[in-house]
Amino acid sequence: MSHENYSSVIQTLNECMTACNHCYDACLKEDHVNMMVECIRVDRECADICSYLVQAIGRGTPFISELAEVCAKICENCGNECKKHDHEHCQKCAEACLRCAEECRKLSA
């Protein structure tokens, strides 16, 4: 299957990556940044795996299913962590991550 057939999931991955990068940056500016350490860490992990999966899909990797499974786990973890924080950027990131995890699970099935 060509990467054009993955346009919806690529869009979702890019939206998740953008939300995580924004959340990461905003968390670093919070007054109590030490309370945001885990959120910052998982934001980076999530943004990185989403970016990697977009690139891998573009290359036509034969490992889409396996990578999507890992991506879904990381996105879900990030979404659950961000949900713990009341900041608007965390809540928006949680929504994007959980939506992305759902889309990635469809690829890994």
C-alpha atoms as a PDB file:
ATOM      1  CA  MET A   1       0.000   0.000   0.000  1.00  0.00           C
ATOM      2  CA  SER A   2       1.403   3.403  -0.939  1.00  0.00           C
ATOM      3  CA  HIS A   3       1.890   6.221   1.529  1.00  0.00           C
ATOM      4  CA  GLU A   4      -0.947   8.173  -0.154  1.00  0.00           C
ATOM      5  CA  ASN A   5      -3.366   5.620   1.297  1.00  0.00           C
ATOM      6  CA  TYR A   6      -2.227   6.672   4.769  1.00  0.00           C
ATOM      7  CA  SER A   7      -3.069  10.369   4.416  1.00  0.00           C
ATOM      8  CA  SER A   8      -5.588  10.372   7.283  1.00  0.00           C
ATOM      9  CA  VAL A   9      -3.256   8.713   9.773  1.00  0.00           C
ATOM     10  CA  ILE A  10      -0.356  10.909   8.630  1.00  0.00           C
ATOM     11  CA  GLN A  11      -2.468  13.980   9.338  1.00  0.00           C
ATOM     12  CA  THR A  12      -3.378  12.612  12.784  1.00  0.00           C
ATOM     13  CA  LEU A  13       0.279  11.809  13.522  1.00  0.00           C
ATOM     14  CA  ASN A  14       1.339  15.319  12.504  1.00  0.00           C
ATOM     15  CA  GLU A  15      -1.393  16.874  14.654  1.00  0.00           C
ATOM     16  CA  CYS A  16      -0.282  14.785  17.624  1.00  0.00           C
ATOM     17  CA  MET A  17       3.371  15.684  17.071  1.00  0.00           C
ATOM     18  CA  THR A  18       2.480  19.380  16.908  1.00  0.00           C
ATOM     19  CA  ALA A  19       0.353  19.180  20.071  1.00  0.00           C
ATOM     20  CA  CYS A  20       3.129  17.365  21.936  1.00  0.00           C
ATOM     21  CA  ASN A  21       5.754  19.879  20.849  1.00  0.00           C
ATOM     22  CA  HIS A  22       3.519  22.746  21.935  1.00  0.00           C
ATOM     23  CA  CYS A  23       2.758  21.055  25.270  1.00  0.00           C
ATOM     24  CA  TYR A  24       6.447  20.333  25.839  1.00  0.00           C
ATOM     25  CA  ASP A  25       7.362  23.968  25.260  1.00  0.00           C
ATOM     26  CA  ALA A  26       4.471  25.300  27.352  1.00  0.00           C
ATOM     27  CA  CYS A  27       5.279  22.932  30.234  1.00  0.00           C
ATOM     28  CA  LEU A  28       8.821  24.286  30.354  1.00  0.00           C
ATOM     29  CA  LYS A  29       7.341  27.751  30.968  1.00  0.00           C
ATOM     30  CA  GLU A  30       5.053  26.702  33.822  1.00  0.00           C
ATOM     31  CA  ASP A  31       5.764  28.155  37.269  1.00  0.00           C
ATOM     32  CA  HIS A  32       6.200  24.720  38.828  1.00  0.00           C
ATOM     33  CA  VAL A  33       8.129  23.059  36.022  1.00  0.00           C
ATOM     34  CA  ASN A  34       9.346  20.335  38.394  1.00  0.00           C
ATOM     35  CA  MET A  35       5.735  19.107  38.572  1.00  0.00           C
ATOM     36  CA  MET A  36       5.719  18.788  34.782  1.00  0.00           C
ATOM     37  CA  VAL A  37       8.822  16.627  34.352  1.00  0.00           C
ATOM     38  CA  GLU A  38       6.995  13.426  33.381  1.00  0.00           C
ATOM     39  CA  CYS A  39       4.666  15.324  31.049  1.00  0.00           C
ATOM     40  CA  ILE A  40       7.657  16.947  29.336  1.00  0.00           C
ATOM     41  CA  ARG A  41       9.432  13.593  29.009  1.00  0.00           C
ATOM     42  CA  VAL A  42       6.481  11.773  27.456  1.00  0.00           C
ATOM     43  CA  ASP A  43       5.685  14.744  25.187  1.00  0.00           C
ATOM     44  CA  ARG A  44       9.157  14.350  23.660  1.00  0.00           C
ATOM     45  CA  GLU A  45       8.806  10.572  23.309  1.00  0.00           C
ATOM     46  CA  CYS A  46       5.419  10.936  21.656  1.00  0.00           C
ATOM     47  CA  ALA A  47       6.430  13.709  19.259  1.00  0.00           C
ATOM     48  CA  ASP A  48       9.489  11.718  18.225  1.00  0.00           C
ATOM     49  CA  ILE A  49       7.660   8.435  17.537  1.00  0.00           C
ATOM     50  CA  CYS A  50       4.905  10.236  15.607  1.00  0.00           C
ATOM     51  CA  SER A  51       7.496  11.979  13.456  1.00  0.00           C
ATOM     52  CA  TYR A  52       9.353   8.722  12.893  1.00  0.00           C
ATOM     53  CA  LEU A  53       6.200   6.855  11.894  1.00  0.00           C
ATOM     54  CA  VAL A  54       5.303   9.567   9.355  1.00  0.00           C
ATOM     55  CA  GLN A  55       8.775   9.215   7.843  1.00  0.00           C
ATOM     56  CA  ALA A  56       8.613   5.417   7.862  1.00  0.00           C
ATOM     57  CA  ILE A  57       5.228   5.448   6.120  1.00  0.00           C
ATOM     58  CA  GLY A  58       6.668   7.805   3.507  1.00  0.00           C
ATOM     59  CA  ARG A  59       9.500   5.348   2.877  1.00  0.00           C
ATOM     60  CA  GLY A  60       7.073   2.469   2.541  1.00  0.00           C
ATOM     61  CA  THR A  61       8.532   0.525   5.440  1.00  0.00           C
ATOM     62  CA  PRO A  62       7.358  -3.068   5.807  1.00  0.00           C
ATOM     63  CA  PHE A  63       7.173  -2.448   9.592  1.00  0.00           C
ATOM     64  CA  ILE A  64       4.171  -0.096   9.629  1.00  0.00           C
ATOM     65  CA  SER A  65       2.082  -2.426  11.770  1.00  0.00           C
ATOM     66  CA  GLU A  66       4.804  -2.917  14.385  1.00  0.00           C
ATOM     67  CA  LEU A  67       5.732   0.762  14.510  1.00  0.00           C
ATOM     68  CA  ALA A  68       2.071   1.758  14.727  1.00  0.00           C
ATOM     69  CA  GLU A  69       1.629  -0.566  17.707  1.00  0.00           C
ATOM     70  CA  VAL A  70       4.550   1.072  19.532  1.00  0.00           C
ATOM     71  CA  CYS A  71       3.299   4.522  18.558  1.00  0.00           C
ATOM     72  CA  ALA A  72      -0.173   3.736  19.920  1.00  0.00           C
ATOM     73  CA  LYS A  73       1.300   2.698  23.287  1.00  0.00           C
ATOM     74  CA  ILE A  74       3.422   5.829  23.561  1.00  0.00           C
ATOM     75  CA  CYS A  75       0.571   8.117  22.458  1.00  0.00           C
ATOM     76  CA  GLU A  76      -1.775   6.528  24.979  1.00  0.00           C
ATOM     77  CA  ASN A  77       0.804   6.924  27.735  1.00  0.00           C
ATOM     78  CA  CYS A  78       1.337  10.573  26.816  1.00  0.00           C
ATOM     79  CA  GLY A  79      -2.391  11.242  26.616  1.00  0.00           C
ATOM     80  CA  ASN A  80      -2.980   9.722  30.032  1.00  0.00           C
ATOM     81  CA  GLU A  81      -0.132  11.734  31.554  1.00  0.00           C
ATOM     82  CA  CYS A  82      -1.329  14.997  30.024  1.00  0.00           C
ATOM     83  CA  LYS A  83      -4.885  14.359  31.258  1.00  0.00           C
ATOM     84  CA  LYS A  84      -3.547  14.601  34.831  1.00  0.00           C
ATOM     85  CA  HIS A  85      -2.757  18.306  34.382  1.00  0.00           C
ATOM     86  CA  ASP A  86      -5.324  21.100  34.232  1.00  0.00           C
ATOM     87  CA  HIS A  87      -3.375  23.291  31.819  1.00  0.00           C
ATOM     88  CA  GLU A  88      -5.193  23.883  28.538  1.00  0.00           C
ATOM     89  CA  HIS A  89      -2.131  22.811  26.518  1.00  0.00           C
ATOM     90  CA  CYS A  90      -2.021  19.514  28.408  1.00  0.00           C
ATOM     91  CA  GLN A  91      -5.726  18.850  27.871  1.00  0.00           C
ATOM     92  CA  LYS A  92      -5.456  19.578  24.127  1.00  0.00           C
ATOM     93  CA  CYS A  93      -2.374  17.383  23.906  1.00  0.00           C
ATOM     94  CA  ALA A  94      -4.179  14.557  25.709  1.00  0.00           C
ATOM     95  CA  GLU A  95      -7.006  14.707  23.160  1.00  0.00           C
ATOM     96  CA  ALA A  96      -4.592  14.648  20.219  1.00  0.00           C
ATOM     97  CA  CYS A  97      -2.568  11.796  21.700  1.00  0.00           C
ATOM     98  CA  LEU A  98      -5.544   9.591  22.477  1.00  0.00           C
ATOM     99  CA  ARG A  99      -7.003  10.209  19.005  1.00  0.00           C
ATOM    100  CA  CYS A 100      -3.632   9.290  17.492  1.00  0.00           C
ATOM    101  CA  ALA A 101      -3.380   6.133  19.608  1.00  0.00           C
ATOM    102  CA  GLU A 102      -6.774   5.049  18.260  1.00  0.00           C
ATOM    103  CA  GLU A 103      -5.701   5.663  14.644  1.00  0.00           C
ATOM    104  CA  CYS A 104      -2.417   3.820  15.148  1.00  0.00           C
ATOM    105  CA  ARG A 105      -4.238   0.820  16.594  1.00  0.00           C
ATOM    106  CA  LYS A 106      -6.183   0.570  13.346  1.00  0.00           C
ATOM    107  CA  LEU A 107      -2.851   0.260  11.490  1.00  0.00           C
ATOM    108  CA  SER A 108      -1.473  -2.334  13.867  1.00  0.00           C
ATOM    109  CA  ALA A 109      -4.550  -4.580  13.721  1.00  0.00           C
END
